[in-house]
Amino acid sequence: MTYTLKLNRIEPVTHDTYHLSFEKPEGFHYTPGQATELAIDKDGLRDEGRPFTFTSLPGEDTLDFVIKSYPDHDGVTREIPKLQPGDTVQIGDAWGAIEDKGPGVFVAGGAGVTPFIPILRKRLADQGTLEGTTLVFSNQREQDIILRETFEEMPGLTCKWIVTDEPDSAFHNRMVDAEMLRDIVKPDSDTCYVCGPDPMVEAIAKAFAEIGVPDERVVTEDFD
C-alpha cells in the first residue's frame, strides 16, 4: 500500500543530515527498528524510492526520519535539503528484521545508526535506563556523528565513538574489528546488533562470530 505524507518540519542534525517530521496516516503500524521505502512526491522522483528507518516511536503522532543527504547521488537523498514544510513524500508499508531483542552492543556505521534510535528511545522510555547497553558508532569525521549529544545524554548508555579519517580527533581509531569488539562484547550474554554499509555489516557479523557470539544473538538485516 502507498501512503502520501505531508512534511511538517525539517531541521539539520549535522552538516549533511536532516530530521524530517511528517503527518502520520491513521492506522499506520510499525515497530522500532523497521523501515519503509520513501520517495519524493514529484515528477521524475516517485519511482526513485530508497529505504529509510522510522526514528519516531509507534505511539507518537508523527512519522519521523533522520536522513543523510548525498549531493553526488541521484534521487531521494540529494533532494532532501530542498524539501519545505507542506511538501509531500510517498512511503510503503513498514518492513525490516532489526528489532529490540534485549540489551547488549549496537554497532553502527554512518546513517546505519538510524534503526537504533527508536529502539534505544523505546527501551529508555520503558525502563528508565540503558544500563548494560553500548553503542559503537563509526564515522569518517567527528562532524558526521549523528545525534551525538542525544546519545550521550541517554542514562546508562555507554558510547564509543570511532572516527576513521580524522587523525587529529580524540576518537581516531581503526575500523571496528574482532580485536576491538572482544574488549566490549560479553559473548555469553550480550545481544549484538549491526547496521551500516553492506561490507561493514558482513565484516562485523563475522567478527561477532569470531569472538563467540551465537548467530541467534546477532541482529541485522537479512542478506538474501
N, C-alpha and C. Protein backbone atom coordinates (compact mmCIF):
# COMPACT_ATOMS: atom_id res chain seq x y z
N MET A 1 0.84 -1.19 0.00
CA MET A 1 0.00 0.00 0.00
C MET A 1 0.89 1.25 0.00
N THR A 2 0.46 2.28 -0.69
CA THR A 2 1.21 3.54 -0.76
C THR A 2 0.51 4.62 0.06
N TYR A 3 1.28 5.34 0.85
CA TYR A 3 0.77 6.43 1.69
C TYR A 3 1.46 7.73 1.27
N THR A 4 0.71 8.82 1.23
CA THR A 4 1.27 10.13 0.95
C THR A 4 1.36 10.92 2.26
N LEU A 5 2.57 11.39 2.58
CA LEU A 5 2.80 12.09 3.84
C LEU A 5 3.14 13.55 3.58
N LYS A 6 2.57 14.45 4.38
CA LYS A 6 2.91 15.87 4.28
C LYS A 6 3.97 16.23 5.31
N LEU A 7 4.98 16.94 4.85
CA LEU A 7 6.08 17.33 5.73
C LEU A 7 5.66 18.46 6.66
N ASN A 8 5.80 18.21 7.97
CA ASN A 8 5.51 19.24 8.97
C ASN A 8 6.71 20.15 9.21
N ARG A 9 7.89 19.54 9.34
CA ARG A 9 9.09 20.34 9.57
C ARG A 9 10.33 19.56 9.15
N ILE A 10 11.40 20.31 8.86
CA ILE A 10 12.70 19.74 8.53
C ILE A 10 13.76 20.59 9.20
N GLU A 11 14.73 19.95 9.84
CA GLU A 11 15.77 20.69 10.53
C GLU A 11 17.08 19.90 10.46
N PRO A 12 18.22 20.60 10.41
CA PRO A 12 19.50 19.90 10.33
C PRO A 12 19.85 19.20 11.62
N VAL A 13 20.49 18.06 11.50
CA VAL A 13 21.02 17.31 12.64
C VAL A 13 22.55 17.40 12.65
N THR A 14 23.16 17.26 11.48
CA THR A 14 24.58 17.51 11.28
C THR A 14 24.71 18.38 10.03
N HIS A 15 25.93 18.52 9.53
CA HIS A 15 26.15 19.34 8.33
C HIS A 15 25.48 18.76 7.10
N ASP A 16 25.16 17.45 7.10
CA ASP A 16 24.56 16.84 5.91
C ASP A 16 23.43 15.87 6.23
N THR A 17 22.92 15.95 7.44
CA THR A 17 21.85 15.03 7.89
C THR A 17 20.69 15.84 8.43
N TYR A 18 19.46 15.37 8.15
CA TYR A 18 18.26 16.15 8.47
C TYR A 18 17.23 15.31 9.21
N HIS A 19 16.54 15.96 10.12
CA HIS A 19 15.40 15.36 10.81
C HIS A 19 14.13 15.85 10.12
N LEU A 20 13.35 14.91 9.62
CA LEU A 20 12.10 15.23 8.94
C LEU A 20 10.94 14.64 9.72
N SER A 21 9.91 15.45 9.91
CA SER A 21 8.73 15.03 10.66
C SER A 21 7.49 15.20 9.78
N PHE A 22 6.73 14.11 9.61
CA PHE A 22 5.57 14.09 8.72
C PHE A 22 4.28 13.79 9.48
N GLU A 23 3.17 14.18 8.89
CA GLU A 23 1.88 13.75 9.42
C GLU A 23 1.77 12.24 9.32
N LYS A 24 1.22 11.61 10.35
CA LYS A 24 1.14 10.15 10.39
C LYS A 24 -0.23 9.69 9.89
N PRO A 25 -0.27 8.79 8.90
CA PRO A 25 -1.56 8.28 8.43
C PRO A 25 -2.29 7.50 9.53
N GLU A 26 -3.57 7.64 9.58
CA GLU A 26 -4.36 6.91 10.56
C GLU A 26 -4.21 5.41 10.34
N GLY A 27 -3.93 4.69 11.42
CA GLY A 27 -3.84 3.23 11.34
C GLY A 27 -2.52 2.69 10.84
N PHE A 28 -1.52 3.56 10.62
CA PHE A 28 -0.22 3.08 10.13
C PHE A 28 0.55 2.43 11.28
N HIS A 29 1.07 1.23 11.04
CA HIS A 29 1.74 0.46 12.10
C HIS A 29 3.18 0.13 11.72
N TYR A 30 4.06 0.17 12.71
CA TYR A 30 5.44 -0.28 12.54
C TYR A 30 6.01 -0.53 13.93
N THR A 31 7.16 -1.17 13.99
CA THR A 31 7.84 -1.40 15.26
C THR A 31 9.20 -0.72 15.23
N PRO A 32 9.75 -0.32 16.40
CA PRO A 32 11.04 0.35 16.42
C PRO A 32 12.12 -0.48 15.72
N GLY A 33 12.84 0.17 14.81
CA GLY A 33 13.87 -0.51 14.04
C GLY A 33 13.45 -0.79 12.61
N GLN A 34 12.14 -0.73 12.34
CA GLN A 34 11.67 -1.01 10.98
C GLN A 34 11.84 0.20 10.07
N ALA A 35 11.76 -0.08 8.75
CA ALA A 35 11.97 0.93 7.73
C ALA A 35 10.83 0.91 6.73
N THR A 36 10.90 1.82 5.77
CA THR A 36 9.96 1.84 4.66
C THR A 36 10.69 2.38 3.43
N GLU A 37 10.13 2.17 2.28
CA GLU A 37 10.68 2.80 1.08
C GLU A 37 10.02 4.16 0.92
N LEU A 38 10.83 5.19 0.79
CA LEU A 38 10.34 6.57 0.72
C LEU A 38 10.78 7.20 -0.60
N ALA A 39 9.85 7.89 -1.25
CA ALA A 39 10.14 8.60 -2.50
C ALA A 39 9.59 10.01 -2.42
N ILE A 40 10.28 10.95 -3.05
CA ILE A 40 9.79 12.33 -3.13
C ILE A 40 8.59 12.37 -4.07
N ASP A 41 7.52 13.03 -3.65
CA ASP A 41 6.28 13.07 -4.42
C ASP A 41 6.34 14.18 -5.48
N LYS A 42 7.26 14.00 -6.44
CA LYS A 42 7.42 14.95 -7.53
C LYS A 42 7.67 14.18 -8.82
N ASP A 43 7.31 14.79 -9.94
CA ASP A 43 7.54 14.15 -11.23
C ASP A 43 9.02 13.80 -11.39
N GLY A 44 9.27 12.58 -11.85
CA GLY A 44 10.63 12.13 -12.05
C GLY A 44 11.29 11.53 -10.83
N LEU A 45 10.63 11.64 -9.66
CA LEU A 45 11.22 11.13 -8.42
C LEU A 45 10.36 10.07 -7.73
N ARG A 46 9.11 9.90 -8.16
CA ARG A 46 8.23 8.97 -7.47
C ARG A 46 8.69 7.51 -7.61
N ASP A 47 9.47 7.23 -8.64
CA ASP A 47 9.97 5.87 -8.83
C ASP A 47 11.39 5.71 -8.31
N GLU A 48 11.87 6.70 -7.55
CA GLU A 48 13.25 6.68 -7.05
C GLU A 48 13.27 6.46 -5.54
N GLY A 49 12.43 5.56 -5.05
CA GLY A 49 12.36 5.32 -3.61
C GLY A 49 13.61 4.66 -3.06
N ARG A 50 13.90 4.96 -1.79
CA ARG A 50 15.02 4.36 -1.08
C ARG A 50 14.56 3.99 0.33
N PRO A 51 15.19 2.99 0.95
CA PRO A 51 14.77 2.59 2.30
C PRO A 51 15.29 3.53 3.38
N PHE A 52 14.41 3.92 4.28
CA PHE A 52 14.78 4.75 5.43
C PHE A 52 14.03 4.24 6.66
N THR A 53 14.68 4.38 7.81
CA THR A 53 14.14 3.89 9.07
C THR A 53 13.30 4.95 9.77
N PHE A 54 12.19 4.54 10.35
CA PHE A 54 11.42 5.44 11.21
C PHE A 54 12.23 5.71 12.48
N THR A 55 12.37 6.98 12.87
CA THR A 55 13.05 7.28 14.12
C THR A 55 12.08 7.73 15.21
N SER A 56 10.84 7.97 14.84
CA SER A 56 9.80 8.23 15.84
C SER A 56 9.37 6.91 16.46
N LEU A 57 8.63 6.98 17.55
CA LEU A 57 8.10 5.78 18.19
C LEU A 57 6.67 5.53 17.72
N PRO A 58 6.24 4.27 17.70
CA PRO A 58 4.90 3.95 17.17
C PRO A 58 3.77 4.71 17.84
N GLY A 59 3.91 5.04 19.12
CA GLY A 59 2.84 5.72 19.82
C GLY A 59 2.80 7.22 19.61
N GLU A 60 3.75 7.77 18.88
CA GLU A 60 3.79 9.21 18.65
C GLU A 60 2.88 9.61 17.49
N ASP A 61 2.58 10.90 17.41
CA ASP A 61 1.60 11.39 16.44
C ASP A 61 2.18 11.67 15.06
N THR A 62 3.51 11.60 14.92
CA THR A 62 4.14 11.89 13.65
C THR A 62 4.99 10.71 13.20
N LEU A 63 5.34 10.69 11.92
CA LEU A 63 6.33 9.75 11.39
C LEU A 63 7.60 10.55 11.12
N ASP A 64 8.67 10.19 11.82
CA ASP A 64 9.92 10.95 11.72
C ASP A 64 11.02 10.09 11.11
N PHE A 65 11.93 10.76 10.42
CA PHE A 65 13.09 10.11 9.83
C PHE A 65 14.31 11.00 10.07
N VAL A 66 15.47 10.38 10.17
CA VAL A 66 16.75 11.10 10.15
C VAL A 66 17.48 10.61 8.91
N ILE A 67 17.69 11.50 7.94
CA ILE A 67 18.19 11.11 6.62
C ILE A 67 19.43 11.90 6.27
N LYS A 68 20.47 11.17 5.85
CA LYS A 68 21.70 11.80 5.40
C LYS A 68 21.61 12.12 3.92
N SER A 69 22.00 13.33 3.56
CA SER A 69 21.94 13.78 2.18
C SER A 69 23.28 13.53 1.48
N TYR A 70 23.20 12.98 0.28
CA TYR A 70 24.40 12.74 -0.53
C TYR A 70 24.26 13.56 -1.82
N PRO A 71 24.86 14.73 -1.88
CA PRO A 71 24.69 15.61 -3.05
C PRO A 71 25.14 14.99 -4.36
N ASP A 72 26.06 14.02 -4.30
CA ASP A 72 26.57 13.42 -5.53
C ASP A 72 25.76 12.19 -5.95
N HIS A 73 24.69 11.86 -5.21
CA HIS A 73 23.82 10.74 -5.57
C HIS A 73 22.57 11.26 -6.26
N ASP A 74 22.10 10.55 -7.25
CA ASP A 74 20.81 10.89 -7.84
C ASP A 74 19.69 10.39 -6.92
N GLY A 75 18.52 11.02 -6.99
CA GLY A 75 17.36 10.50 -6.27
C GLY A 75 17.08 11.19 -4.95
N VAL A 76 16.55 10.42 -3.99
CA VAL A 76 15.96 10.96 -2.77
C VAL A 76 16.93 11.80 -1.96
N THR A 77 18.09 11.24 -1.63
CA THR A 77 18.93 11.92 -0.63
C THR A 77 19.45 13.27 -1.13
N ARG A 78 19.68 13.40 -2.42
CA ARG A 78 20.13 14.68 -2.95
C ARG A 78 19.06 15.75 -2.81
N GLU A 79 17.78 15.33 -2.84
CA GLU A 79 16.67 16.29 -2.79
C GLU A 79 16.25 16.67 -1.37
N ILE A 80 16.70 15.92 -0.38
CA ILE A 80 16.24 16.14 1.00
C ILE A 80 16.44 17.59 1.45
N PRO A 81 17.62 18.21 1.27
CA PRO A 81 17.78 19.59 1.77
C PRO A 81 16.86 20.60 1.10
N LYS A 82 16.30 20.25 -0.04
CA LYS A 82 15.44 21.18 -0.78
C LYS A 82 13.99 21.14 -0.30
N LEU A 83 13.63 20.13 0.51
CA LEU A 83 12.24 19.99 0.93
C LEU A 83 11.83 21.12 1.87
N GLN A 84 10.55 21.49 1.79
CA GLN A 84 9.98 22.55 2.62
C GLN A 84 8.70 22.03 3.28
N PRO A 85 8.34 22.56 4.46
CA PRO A 85 7.06 22.16 5.05
C PRO A 85 5.93 22.31 4.05
N GLY A 86 5.07 21.30 4.01
CA GLY A 86 3.99 21.27 3.04
C GLY A 86 4.28 20.36 1.86
N ASP A 87 5.55 20.09 1.57
CA ASP A 87 5.90 19.14 0.52
C ASP A 87 5.45 17.74 0.93
N THR A 88 5.32 16.85 -0.03
CA THR A 88 4.85 15.50 0.25
C THR A 88 5.83 14.46 -0.25
N VAL A 89 5.80 13.31 0.42
CA VAL A 89 6.56 12.13 0.00
C VAL A 89 5.61 10.95 -0.01
N GLN A 90 6.04 9.87 -0.64
CA GLN A 90 5.27 8.64 -0.65
C GLN A 90 6.06 7.53 0.04
N ILE A 91 5.37 6.73 0.85
CA ILE A 91 6.01 5.60 1.50
C ILE A 91 5.13 4.36 1.32
N GLY A 92 5.75 3.20 1.55
CA GLY A 92 5.02 1.95 1.55
C GLY A 92 4.84 1.44 2.97
N ASP A 93 4.45 0.18 3.09
CA ASP A 93 4.29 -0.43 4.41
C ASP A 93 5.65 -0.61 5.08
N ALA A 94 5.62 -0.79 6.38
CA ALA A 94 6.85 -0.99 7.15
C ALA A 94 7.39 -2.40 6.95
N TRP A 95 8.72 -2.53 7.02
CA TRP A 95 9.37 -3.82 6.90
C TRP A 95 10.71 -3.76 7.63
N GLY A 96 11.35 -4.90 7.80
CA GLY A 96 12.69 -4.92 8.39
C GLY A 96 12.85 -5.95 9.47
N ALA A 97 14.07 -6.48 9.57
CA ALA A 97 14.38 -7.54 10.53
C ALA A 97 15.01 -7.02 11.82
N ILE A 98 15.40 -5.75 11.85
CA ILE A 98 16.03 -5.22 13.05
C ILE A 98 14.96 -4.87 14.08
N GLU A 99 15.09 -5.45 15.27
CA GLU A 99 14.15 -5.19 16.35
C GLU A 99 14.88 -5.35 17.68
N ASP A 100 14.24 -4.89 18.73
CA ASP A 100 14.84 -4.97 20.06
C ASP A 100 14.74 -6.40 20.59
N LYS A 101 15.89 -7.01 20.80
CA LYS A 101 15.92 -8.36 21.36
C LYS A 101 16.72 -8.41 22.66
N GLY A 102 16.81 -7.25 23.31
CA GLY A 102 17.47 -7.22 24.61
C GLY A 102 18.71 -6.36 24.62
N PRO A 103 19.23 -6.06 25.82
CA PRO A 103 20.40 -5.20 25.94
C PRO A 103 21.65 -5.87 25.38
N GLY A 104 22.64 -5.04 25.06
CA GLY A 104 23.87 -5.58 24.50
C GLY A 104 24.67 -4.51 23.81
N VAL A 105 25.22 -4.85 22.64
CA VAL A 105 26.12 -3.95 21.93
C VAL A 105 25.55 -3.63 20.56
N PHE A 106 25.42 -2.34 20.26
CA PHE A 106 24.92 -1.85 18.98
C PHE A 106 26.10 -1.27 18.21
N VAL A 107 26.37 -1.81 17.02
CA VAL A 107 27.46 -1.32 16.19
C VAL A 107 26.86 -0.69 14.94
N ALA A 108 27.19 0.58 14.71
CA ALA A 108 26.62 1.32 13.58
C ALA A 108 27.71 2.00 12.78
N GLY A 109 27.47 2.11 11.48
CA GLY A 109 28.34 2.88 10.61
C GLY A 109 27.54 3.96 9.92
N GLY A 110 27.89 5.23 10.14
CA GLY A 110 27.21 6.34 9.48
C GLY A 110 25.72 6.35 9.72
N ALA A 111 24.94 6.50 8.63
CA ALA A 111 23.49 6.56 8.74
C ALA A 111 22.88 5.24 9.19
N GLY A 112 23.70 4.19 9.29
CA GLY A 112 23.21 2.91 9.80
C GLY A 112 22.80 2.96 11.26
N VAL A 113 23.05 4.08 11.93
CA VAL A 113 22.63 4.21 13.33
C VAL A 113 21.13 4.41 13.45
N THR A 114 20.45 4.78 12.36
CA THR A 114 19.04 5.21 12.49
C THR A 114 18.10 4.13 13.04
N PRO A 115 18.24 2.83 12.72
CA PRO A 115 17.33 1.87 13.33
C PRO A 115 17.49 1.78 14.85
N PHE A 116 18.67 2.15 15.34
CA PHE A 116 18.92 2.04 16.78
C PHE A 116 18.33 3.21 17.56
N ILE A 117 18.05 4.32 16.88
CA ILE A 117 17.49 5.49 17.57
C ILE A 117 16.16 5.16 18.24
N PRO A 118 15.16 4.62 17.51
CA PRO A 118 13.89 4.32 18.17
C PRO A 118 13.97 3.15 19.13
N ILE A 119 14.84 2.17 18.85
CA ILE A 119 14.98 1.04 19.76
C ILE A 119 15.49 1.52 21.12
N LEU A 120 16.52 2.35 21.11
CA LEU A 120 17.06 2.85 22.38
C LEU A 120 16.10 3.81 23.05
N ARG A 121 15.42 4.64 22.29
CA ARG A 121 14.43 5.56 22.86
C ARG A 121 13.30 4.78 23.54
N LYS A 122 12.83 3.73 22.89
CA LYS A 122 11.71 2.95 23.44
C LYS A 122 12.14 2.23 24.72
N ARG A 123 13.31 1.63 24.71
CA ARG A 123 13.76 0.92 25.90
C ARG A 123 13.99 1.89 27.05
N LEU A 124 14.52 3.08 26.75
CA LEU A 124 14.74 4.07 27.79
C LEU A 124 13.40 4.53 28.37
N ALA A 125 12.40 4.73 27.50
CA ALA A 125 11.08 5.14 27.98
C ALA A 125 10.45 4.07 28.86
N ASP A 126 10.68 2.81 28.52
CA ASP A 126 10.07 1.71 29.27
C ASP A 126 10.79 1.42 30.58
N GLN A 127 12.13 1.54 30.58
CA GLN A 127 12.92 1.08 31.72
C GLN A 127 13.59 2.20 32.50
N GLY A 128 13.70 3.39 31.90
CA GLY A 128 14.31 4.50 32.60
C GLY A 128 15.82 4.52 32.57
N THR A 129 16.45 3.49 32.02
CA THR A 129 17.90 3.42 31.93
C THR A 129 18.29 2.48 30.79
N LEU A 130 19.50 2.70 30.26
CA LEU A 130 20.05 1.81 29.24
C LEU A 130 21.29 1.09 29.79
N GLU A 131 21.29 0.89 31.08
CA GLU A 131 22.39 0.19 31.74
C GLU A 131 22.62 -1.16 31.06
N GLY A 132 23.88 -1.47 30.79
CA GLY A 132 24.20 -2.73 30.12
C GLY A 132 24.18 -2.66 28.61
N THR A 133 24.01 -1.44 28.06
CA THR A 133 23.94 -1.26 26.61
C THR A 133 25.07 -0.35 26.15
N THR A 134 25.73 -0.75 25.07
CA THR A 134 26.84 0.01 24.50
C THR A 134 26.56 0.32 23.04
N LEU A 135 26.81 1.56 22.63
CA LEU A 135 26.72 1.96 21.24
C LEU A 135 28.13 2.21 20.71
N VAL A 136 28.53 1.45 19.69
CA VAL A 136 29.80 1.65 19.00
C VAL A 136 29.45 2.26 17.65
N PHE A 137 29.84 3.52 17.45
CA PHE A 137 29.37 4.27 16.29
C PHE A 137 30.58 4.79 15.50
N SER A 138 30.75 4.28 14.28
CA SER A 138 31.89 4.62 13.45
C SER A 138 31.50 5.60 12.35
N ASN A 139 32.31 6.65 12.21
CA ASN A 139 32.11 7.66 11.17
C ASN A 139 33.47 8.08 10.62
N GLN A 140 33.46 8.77 9.49
CA GLN A 140 34.71 9.26 8.93
C GLN A 140 35.27 10.42 9.73
N ARG A 141 34.38 11.35 10.15
CA ARG A 141 34.82 12.54 10.88
C ARG A 141 33.89 12.81 12.06
N GLU A 142 34.38 13.58 13.02
CA GLU A 142 33.55 13.89 14.19
C GLU A 142 32.26 14.59 13.79
N GLN A 143 32.32 15.50 12.81
CA GLN A 143 31.13 16.25 12.43
C GLN A 143 30.05 15.36 11.81
N ASP A 144 30.41 14.12 11.47
CA ASP A 144 29.44 13.19 10.89
C ASP A 144 28.63 12.44 11.94
N ILE A 145 28.99 12.55 13.21
CA ILE A 145 28.32 11.77 14.25
C ILE A 145 26.89 12.28 14.44
N ILE A 146 25.94 11.46 14.10
CA ILE A 146 24.52 11.81 14.17
C ILE A 146 24.02 11.72 15.61
N LEU A 147 23.37 12.78 16.09
CA LEU A 147 22.73 12.83 17.41
C LEU A 147 23.69 12.47 18.55
N ARG A 148 24.92 12.94 18.42
CA ARG A 148 25.92 12.63 19.45
C ARG A 148 25.46 13.05 20.84
N GLU A 149 24.99 14.29 20.99
CA GLU A 149 24.58 14.75 22.31
C GLU A 149 23.38 13.97 22.83
N THR A 150 22.46 13.62 21.93
CA THR A 150 21.28 12.85 22.33
C THR A 150 21.69 11.51 22.92
N PHE A 151 22.60 10.82 22.25
CA PHE A 151 23.05 9.52 22.76
C PHE A 151 23.81 9.69 24.08
N GLU A 152 24.66 10.70 24.15
CA GLU A 152 25.46 10.89 25.37
C GLU A 152 24.60 11.22 26.57
N GLU A 153 23.41 11.77 26.32
CA GLU A 153 22.52 12.13 27.43
C GLU A 153 21.58 11.00 27.84
N MET A 154 21.61 9.88 27.13
CA MET A 154 20.74 8.76 27.48
C MET A 154 21.30 8.05 28.72
N PRO A 155 20.56 8.03 29.84
CA PRO A 155 21.07 7.44 31.08
C PRO A 155 21.45 5.97 30.89
N GLY A 156 22.66 5.63 31.32
CA GLY A 156 23.11 4.24 31.30
C GLY A 156 23.76 3.80 30.01
N LEU A 157 23.61 4.55 28.93
CA LEU A 157 24.18 4.15 27.64
C LEU A 157 25.67 4.48 27.59
N THR A 158 26.49 3.47 27.28
CA THR A 158 27.92 3.68 27.06
C THR A 158 28.15 3.94 25.58
N CYS A 159 28.78 5.06 25.25
CA CYS A 159 29.02 5.43 23.86
C CYS A 159 30.51 5.33 23.54
N LYS A 160 30.82 4.63 22.46
CA LYS A 160 32.19 4.55 21.97
C LYS A 160 32.19 5.11 20.55
N TRP A 161 32.75 6.30 20.39
CA TRP A 161 32.80 6.95 19.09
C TRP A 161 34.08 6.53 18.37
N ILE A 162 33.95 6.18 17.10
CA ILE A 162 35.10 5.83 16.27
C ILE A 162 35.13 6.79 15.08
N VAL A 163 36.28 7.42 14.87
CA VAL A 163 36.49 8.30 13.71
C VAL A 163 37.67 7.76 12.92
N THR A 164 37.44 7.47 11.64
CA THR A 164 38.46 6.77 10.85
C THR A 164 39.34 7.66 9.99
N ASP A 165 38.83 8.85 9.58
CA ASP A 165 39.55 9.66 8.60
C ASP A 165 40.00 11.01 9.13
N GLU A 166 40.08 11.14 10.44
CA GLU A 166 40.45 12.42 11.05
C GLU A 166 41.51 12.16 12.12
N PRO A 167 42.79 12.08 11.72
CA PRO A 167 43.85 11.69 12.65
C PRO A 167 43.96 12.57 13.88
N ASP A 168 43.54 13.82 13.80
CA ASP A 168 43.66 14.73 14.95
C ASP A 168 42.53 14.55 15.97
N SER A 169 41.53 13.76 15.63
CA SER A 169 40.41 13.55 16.55
C SER A 169 40.80 12.65 17.71
N ALA A 170 40.26 12.96 18.88
CA ALA A 170 40.48 12.10 20.05
C ALA A 170 39.85 10.74 19.86
N PHE A 171 38.93 10.63 18.90
CA PHE A 171 38.24 9.36 18.64
C PHE A 171 38.85 8.59 17.49
N HIS A 172 39.97 9.10 16.93
CA HIS A 172 40.56 8.44 15.77
C HIS A 172 40.99 7.02 16.14
N ASN A 173 40.59 6.08 15.31
CA ASN A 173 40.87 4.68 15.61
C ASN A 173 40.78 3.89 14.32
N ARG A 174 41.12 2.63 14.41
CA ARG A 174 41.00 1.74 13.26
C ARG A 174 39.53 1.39 13.03
N MET A 175 39.28 0.69 11.97
CA MET A 175 37.94 0.17 11.73
C MET A 175 37.54 -0.78 12.86
N VAL A 176 36.25 -0.87 13.12
CA VAL A 176 35.75 -1.79 14.14
C VAL A 176 36.03 -3.22 13.67
N ASP A 177 36.67 -4.02 14.53
CA ASP A 177 37.01 -5.39 14.17
C ASP A 177 36.87 -6.29 15.39
N ALA A 178 37.21 -7.56 15.20
CA ALA A 178 37.05 -8.54 16.29
C ALA A 178 37.91 -8.17 17.49
N GLU A 179 39.12 -7.68 17.25
CA GLU A 179 40.00 -7.31 18.36
C GLU A 179 39.38 -6.23 19.22
N MET A 180 38.78 -5.22 18.58
CA MET A 180 38.13 -4.16 19.34
C MET A 180 36.89 -4.68 20.06
N LEU A 181 36.09 -5.46 19.36
CA LEU A 181 34.84 -5.94 19.95
C LEU A 181 35.07 -6.91 21.10
N ARG A 182 36.18 -7.61 21.08
CA ARG A 182 36.49 -8.56 22.15
C ARG A 182 36.57 -7.86 23.51
N ASP A 183 36.96 -6.58 23.50
CA ASP A 183 37.06 -5.81 24.75
C ASP A 183 35.73 -5.18 25.16
N ILE A 184 34.72 -5.27 24.30
CA ILE A 184 33.44 -4.60 24.55
C ILE A 184 32.30 -5.59 24.78
N VAL A 185 32.30 -6.67 24.01
CA VAL A 185 31.17 -7.60 23.98
C VAL A 185 31.35 -8.72 25.00
N LYS A 186 30.27 -9.06 25.68
CA LYS A 186 30.22 -10.25 26.54
C LYS A 186 29.50 -11.34 25.73
N PRO A 187 30.25 -12.22 25.07
CA PRO A 187 29.65 -13.18 24.13
C PRO A 187 28.59 -14.10 24.74
N ASP A 188 28.69 -14.35 26.04
CA ASP A 188 27.76 -15.28 26.68
C ASP A 188 26.42 -14.65 27.03
N SER A 189 26.33 -13.31 26.94
CA SER A 189 25.08 -12.68 27.39
C SER A 189 24.59 -11.56 26.49
N ASP A 190 25.46 -10.85 25.80
CA ASP A 190 25.04 -9.69 25.02
C ASP A 190 24.29 -10.08 23.74
N THR A 191 23.24 -9.34 23.45
CA THR A 191 22.69 -9.35 22.10
C THR A 191 23.47 -8.32 21.29
N CYS A 192 23.85 -8.69 20.07
CA CYS A 192 24.71 -7.83 19.26
C CYS A 192 23.99 -7.40 17.99
N TYR A 193 23.94 -6.10 17.77
CA TYR A 193 23.23 -5.50 16.65
C TYR A 193 24.25 -4.84 15.72
N VAL A 194 23.99 -4.88 14.42
CA VAL A 194 24.87 -4.18 13.49
C VAL A 194 24.06 -3.65 12.31
N CYS A 195 24.35 -2.39 11.93
CA CYS A 195 23.70 -1.79 10.77
C CYS A 195 24.64 -0.75 10.18
N GLY A 196 24.73 -0.74 8.86
CA GLY A 196 25.60 0.20 8.16
C GLY A 196 25.75 -0.25 6.72
N PRO A 197 26.79 0.21 6.04
CA PRO A 197 27.04 -0.25 4.67
C PRO A 197 27.21 -1.76 4.63
N ASP A 198 26.75 -2.39 3.56
CA ASP A 198 26.77 -3.85 3.47
C ASP A 198 28.13 -4.48 3.79
N PRO A 199 29.24 -3.98 3.24
CA PRO A 199 30.53 -4.60 3.57
C PRO A 199 30.84 -4.55 5.05
N MET A 200 30.48 -3.44 5.71
CA MET A 200 30.71 -3.33 7.15
C MET A 200 29.85 -4.33 7.91
N VAL A 201 28.58 -4.44 7.53
CA VAL A 201 27.67 -5.35 8.22
C VAL A 201 28.19 -6.78 8.13
N GLU A 202 28.62 -7.18 6.95
CA GLU A 202 29.13 -8.54 6.78
C GLU A 202 30.40 -8.76 7.60
N ALA A 203 31.28 -7.76 7.62
CA ALA A 203 32.53 -7.89 8.37
C ALA A 203 32.27 -7.96 9.88
N ILE A 204 31.34 -7.12 10.38
CA ILE A 204 31.06 -7.12 11.82
C ILE A 204 30.35 -8.40 12.23
N ALA A 205 29.44 -8.89 11.39
CA ALA A 205 28.77 -10.16 11.70
C ALA A 205 29.80 -11.29 11.83
N LYS A 206 30.80 -11.30 10.95
CA LYS A 206 31.87 -12.30 11.04
C LYS A 206 32.71 -12.09 12.30
N ALA A 207 32.94 -10.82 12.65
CA ALA A 207 33.71 -10.53 13.87
C ALA A 207 32.97 -11.01 15.12
N PHE A 208 31.64 -10.82 15.16
CA PHE A 208 30.86 -11.33 16.28
C PHE A 208 31.02 -12.84 16.39
N ALA A 209 30.95 -13.53 15.25
CA ALA A 209 31.11 -14.99 15.26
C ALA A 209 32.50 -15.37 15.74
N GLU A 210 33.50 -14.60 15.33
CA GLU A 210 34.89 -14.91 15.70
C GLU A 210 35.10 -14.82 17.20
N ILE A 211 34.40 -13.90 17.87
CA ILE A 211 34.60 -13.76 19.32
C ILE A 211 33.61 -14.59 20.11
N GLY A 212 32.80 -15.40 19.42
CA GLY A 212 31.97 -16.37 20.11
C GLY A 212 30.53 -15.98 20.36
N VAL A 213 30.01 -14.97 19.66
CA VAL A 213 28.60 -14.60 19.81
C VAL A 213 27.76 -15.55 18.95
N PRO A 214 26.79 -16.26 19.54
CA PRO A 214 25.95 -17.18 18.75
C PRO A 214 25.15 -16.44 17.68
N ASP A 215 24.93 -17.09 16.55
CA ASP A 215 24.21 -16.46 15.44
C ASP A 215 22.85 -15.94 15.87
N GLU A 216 22.17 -16.64 16.77
CA GLU A 216 20.82 -16.24 17.15
C GLU A 216 20.80 -14.97 17.99
N ARG A 217 21.96 -14.51 18.44
CA ARG A 217 22.01 -13.25 19.19
C ARG A 217 22.69 -12.14 18.41
N VAL A 218 22.74 -12.30 17.08
CA VAL A 218 23.20 -11.23 16.19
C VAL A 218 22.00 -10.71 15.40
N VAL A 219 21.70 -9.44 15.53
CA VAL A 219 20.52 -8.82 14.91
C VAL A 219 20.98 -7.90 13.79
N THR A 220 20.56 -8.18 12.57
CA THR A 220 20.86 -7.33 11.42
C THR A 220 19.83 -7.61 10.36
N GLU A 221 19.94 -6.91 9.22
CA GLU A 221 19.05 -7.21 8.11
C GLU A 221 19.51 -8.48 7.40
N ASP A 222 18.57 -9.21 6.83
CA ASP A 222 18.92 -10.39 6.06
C ASP A 222 19.64 -9.98 4.79
N PHE A 223 20.60 -10.79 4.37
CA PHE A 223 21.35 -10.50 3.16
C PHE A 223 20.67 -11.07 1.91
N ASP A 224 19.66 -11.93 2.09
CA ASP A 224 19.03 -12.59 0.94
C ASP A 224 18.23 -11.60 0.10
